[in-house]
């Protein structure tokens, strides 16, 4: 750890970071975050950069292709160059804290790394920005919509409308004599497309 940084955890395990400068504070934040969430951070980076299938298999190829099609890595690379110097220093300090924790782990990494038999690569400023951009795309719900629209352009015109018509639209009007779905059954099966439409249930904690 940086000697100018102190991380104290309360009875609930919540870290409190103290430092003698803003940059050192963000170093401590990166270190504390890696202590608690290193595998999650590495997975979010892999998702952003389209590298999940390397570890998790063919089921993740589609997701990887989608992220690469959007160009998250290229977007993050450009944003690194556009970042103003004070913000760039903070980001450099943050990832330095993450990397210090990785270095100190040595082979004693979180369980997920052992189960998947790999070690995390060091983090960069580009990685942090890529994760943020991937979160943006994930929460705005547009990745699949864009992919569907692009795929539709490849279809013959006579098939295009059928392909773009949802099987269960989000907004529906029941006929006058139709009964509403039983509330208890809906609550037990919240993701059933026939009841609640085509949404993938993703969204923010708000």
Protein backbone atom coordinates (compact mmCIF):
# COMPACT_ATOMS: atom_id res chain seq x y z
CA UNK A 1 0.00 0.00 0.00
CA UNK A 2 0.97 3.63 -0.46
CA UNK A 3 2.18 4.89 2.98
CA UNK A 4 0.22 8.13 2.46
CA UNK A 5 -3.06 6.16 2.31
CA UNK A 6 -5.00 4.49 5.09
CA UNK A 7 -8.00 2.20 4.58
CA UNK A 8 -10.09 1.47 7.65
CA UNK A 9 -13.06 -0.87 7.57
CA UNK A 10 -15.97 -0.47 9.95
CA UNK A 11 -17.91 -3.29 11.63
CA UNK A 12 -19.95 -3.81 8.46
CA UNK A 13 -16.79 -4.15 6.37
CA UNK A 14 -17.33 -0.83 4.59
CA UNK A 15 -13.97 0.75 3.65
CA UNK A 16 -13.16 4.32 4.69
CA UNK A 17 -10.23 5.75 2.73
CA UNK A 18 -8.01 8.51 4.17
CA UNK A 19 -5.16 10.13 2.26
CA UNK A 20 -3.00 13.25 2.12
CA UNK A 21 -3.97 14.15 -1.47
CA UNK A 22 -6.72 13.60 -4.02
CA UNK A 23 -4.57 11.32 -6.14
CA UNK A 24 -3.63 9.18 -3.14
CA UNK A 25 -7.28 9.04 -2.14
CA UNK A 26 -8.17 7.54 -5.52
CA UNK A 27 -5.24 5.14 -5.21
CA UNK A 28 -6.81 3.92 -1.97
CA UNK A 29 -10.23 3.72 -3.59
CA UNK A 30 -8.87 1.52 -6.38
CA UNK A 31 -7.12 -0.72 -3.86
CA UNK A 32 -10.20 -1.08 -1.65
CA UNK A 33 -12.47 -1.73 -4.61
CA UNK A 34 -10.14 -4.45 -5.88
CA UNK A 35 -10.07 -6.03 -2.41
CA UNK A 36 -13.84 -6.42 -2.52
CA UNK A 37 -14.64 -6.85 -6.22
CA UNK A 38 -11.60 -7.83 -8.26
CA UNK A 39 -13.26 -10.66 -10.17
CA UNK A 40 -16.37 -8.60 -10.87
CA UNK A 41 -14.16 -5.78 -12.16
CA UNK A 42 -12.26 -8.19 -14.38
CA UNK A 43 -15.51 -9.69 -15.70
CA UNK A 44 -16.93 -6.23 -16.44
CA UNK A 45 -13.73 -5.42 -18.34
CA UNK A 46 -14.00 -8.65 -20.34
CA UNK A 47 -17.64 -7.93 -21.13
CA UNK A 48 -16.78 -4.39 -22.28
CA UNK A 49 -13.92 -5.52 -24.49
CA UNK A 50 -15.71 -8.58 -25.91
CA UNK A 51 -13.46 -11.14 -24.22
CA UNK A 52 -15.84 -13.25 -22.13
CA UNK A 53 -15.84 -16.30 -24.40
CA UNK A 54 -12.10 -16.75 -23.84
CA UNK A 55 -12.93 -17.98 -20.35
CA UNK A 56 -16.63 -18.77 -20.25
CA UNK A 57 -17.11 -20.55 -23.55
CA UNK A 58 -19.19 -20.34 -26.71
CA UNK A 59 -22.33 -19.14 -24.93
CA UNK A 60 -20.70 -15.70 -24.67
CA UNK A 61 -19.62 -15.33 -28.31
CA UNK A 62 -22.79 -13.41 -29.19
CA UNK A 63 -22.28 -10.92 -26.37
CA UNK A 64 -18.62 -10.49 -27.30
CA UNK A 65 -19.47 -9.82 -30.93
CA UNK A 66 -22.04 -7.23 -29.91
CA UNK A 67 -19.57 -5.33 -27.70
CA UNK A 68 -16.92 -5.42 -30.41
CA UNK A 69 -19.41 -4.24 -33.02
CA UNK A 70 -20.20 -1.19 -30.93
CA UNK A 71 -16.44 -0.60 -30.60
CA UNK A 72 -16.23 -0.07 -26.83
CA UNK A 73 -12.45 -0.51 -26.82
CA UNK A 74 -11.96 2.07 -29.58
CA UNK A 75 -14.33 4.52 -27.88
CA UNK A 76 -12.39 4.17 -24.61
CA UNK A 77 -9.05 4.61 -26.39
CA UNK A 78 -10.23 7.94 -27.84
CA UNK A 79 -11.60 9.07 -24.48
CA UNK A 80 -8.27 8.44 -22.78
CA UNK A 81 -6.67 10.89 -25.20
CA UNK A 82 -9.45 13.44 -24.64
CA UNK A 83 -9.29 13.32 -20.84
CA UNK A 84 -7.98 16.54 -19.26
CA UNK A 85 -4.70 16.25 -17.28
CA UNK A 86 -6.17 16.49 -13.72
CA UNK A 87 -8.79 13.82 -14.45
CA UNK A 88 -6.17 11.65 -16.16
CA UNK A 89 -4.00 11.82 -13.02
CA UNK A 90 -6.92 10.69 -10.87
CA UNK A 91 -7.68 7.80 -13.22
CA UNK A 92 -4.02 6.77 -13.28
CA UNK A 93 -3.98 6.79 -9.47
CA UNK A 94 -7.16 4.74 -9.33
CA UNK A 95 -5.85 1.97 -11.61
CA UNK A 96 -2.48 2.06 -9.80
CA UNK A 97 -4.38 1.15 -6.62
CA UNK A 98 -6.09 -1.75 -8.40
CA UNK A 99 -2.78 -2.99 -9.75
CA UNK A 100 -1.08 -2.71 -6.37
CA UNK A 101 -3.71 -5.04 -4.94
CA UNK A 102 -3.26 -7.48 -7.84
CA UNK A 103 0.51 -7.48 -7.27
CA UNK A 104 0.07 -8.15 -3.56
CA UNK A 105 -2.35 -11.01 -4.19
CA UNK A 106 0.33 -13.00 -5.97
CA UNK A 107 -1.26 -16.47 -6.24
CA UNK A 108 -3.81 -15.84 -3.47
CA UNK A 109 -6.48 -14.52 -5.81
CA UNK A 110 -10.24 -14.58 -5.25
CA UNK A 111 -11.94 -17.97 -5.66
CA UNK A 112 -13.40 -17.20 -9.10
CA UNK A 113 -9.92 -16.89 -10.61
CA UNK A 114 -8.93 -20.24 -9.12
CA UNK A 115 -12.06 -21.95 -10.41
CA UNK A 116 -11.49 -20.60 -13.92
CA UNK A 117 -7.72 -21.14 -13.69
CA UNK A 118 -6.45 -17.76 -14.82
CA UNK A 119 -4.91 -14.57 -13.45
CA UNK A 120 -6.18 -11.03 -14.13
CA UNK A 121 -4.24 -8.72 -16.41
CA UNK A 122 -3.18 -5.37 -14.99
CA UNK A 123 -5.73 -2.59 -15.34
CA UNK A 124 -5.32 0.53 -17.46
CA UNK A 125 -7.18 3.83 -17.66
CA UNK A 126 -8.64 2.58 -20.95
CA UNK A 127 -10.10 -0.42 -19.11
CA UNK A 128 -11.89 1.76 -16.55
CA UNK A 129 -13.39 3.96 -19.26
CA UNK A 130 -14.40 0.90 -21.30
CA UNK A 131 -16.29 -0.51 -18.31
CA UNK A 132 -18.16 2.79 -17.91
CA UNK A 133 -19.08 2.88 -21.59
CA UNK A 134 -20.24 -0.75 -21.56
CA UNK A 135 -22.39 -0.01 -18.51
CA UNK A 136 -23.97 2.89 -20.40
CA UNK A 137 -24.83 0.68 -23.35
CA UNK A 138 -26.08 -2.08 -21.06
CA UNK A 139 -28.41 0.15 -19.06
CA UNK A 140 -29.88 2.09 -21.95
CA UNK A 141 -31.20 -1.16 -23.42
CA UNK A 142 -30.29 -0.28 -27.01
CA UNK A 143 -27.59 -2.83 -27.88
CA UNK A 144 -30.02 -5.57 -28.88
CA UNK A 145 -32.34 -3.07 -30.55
CA UNK A 146 -29.47 -1.82 -32.72
CA UNK A 147 -28.35 -5.37 -33.49
CA UNK A 148 -31.89 -6.35 -34.52
CA UNK A 149 -32.18 -3.31 -36.78
CA UNK A 150 -28.87 -4.05 -38.45
CA UNK A 151 -29.81 -7.69 -38.95
CA UNK A 152 -33.11 -6.66 -40.54
CA UNK A 153 -31.27 -4.77 -43.26
CA UNK A 154 -29.86 -8.08 -44.49
CA UNK A 155 -33.28 -9.69 -44.98
CA UNK A 156 -35.41 -9.65 -48.14
CA UNK A 157 -38.11 -6.99 -47.96
CA UNK A 158 -40.93 -9.54 -47.72
CA UNK A 159 -39.42 -10.99 -44.52
CA UNK A 160 -38.30 -7.74 -42.91
CA UNK A 161 -41.66 -6.66 -41.45
CA UNK A 162 -42.36 -10.08 -40.01
CA UNK A 163 -38.93 -10.17 -38.42
CA UNK A 164 -39.35 -6.74 -36.82
CA UNK A 165 -42.84 -7.39 -35.44
CA UNK A 166 -42.59 -8.49 -31.79
CA UNK A 167 -44.45 -11.61 -30.69
CA UNK A 168 -45.63 -9.90 -27.50
CA UNK A 169 -45.55 -6.10 -27.62
CA UNK A 170 -44.89 -4.23 -24.38
CA UNK A 171 -48.07 -2.13 -24.74
CA UNK A 172 -51.25 -4.11 -25.15
CA UNK A 173 -55.01 -3.49 -25.00
CA UNK A 174 -57.19 -6.34 -23.78
CA UNK A 175 -60.57 -6.86 -25.43
CA UNK A 176 -63.59 -5.95 -23.25
CA UNK A 177 -64.44 -9.54 -22.34
CA UNK A 178 -60.85 -10.61 -21.58
CA UNK A 179 -59.78 -11.30 -18.02
CA UNK A 180 -56.57 -9.78 -16.70
CA UNK A 181 -53.82 -12.29 -15.84
CA UNK A 182 -53.95 -13.60 -12.31
CA UNK A 183 -51.70 -11.34 -10.19
CA UNK A 184 -50.23 -14.18 -8.14
CA UNK A 185 -49.29 -16.12 -11.26
CA UNK A 186 -47.66 -13.04 -12.80
CA UNK A 187 -45.58 -12.39 -9.67
CA UNK A 188 -44.33 -15.97 -9.69
CA UNK A 189 -43.32 -15.79 -13.36
CA UNK A 190 -42.19 -12.19 -13.90
CA UNK A 191 -40.12 -12.92 -16.99
CA UNK A 192 -42.75 -14.82 -18.96
CA UNK A 193 -42.81 -13.04 -22.30
CA UNK A 194 -46.43 -13.93 -22.94
CA UNK A 195 -47.47 -11.90 -19.89
CA UNK A 196 -45.04 -9.05 -19.64
CA UNK A 197 -43.75 -8.47 -23.15
CA UNK A 198 -40.31 -8.73 -24.67
CA UNK A 199 -38.21 -6.85 -22.11
CA UNK A 200 -35.01 -8.52 -20.89
CA UNK A 201 -35.55 -7.19 -17.32
CA UNK A 202 -32.28 -5.25 -17.33
CA UNK A 203 -32.05 -1.76 -15.86
CA UNK A 204 -30.45 0.37 -13.19
CA UNK A 205 -30.87 0.00 -9.44
CA UNK A 206 -33.13 3.05 -9.52
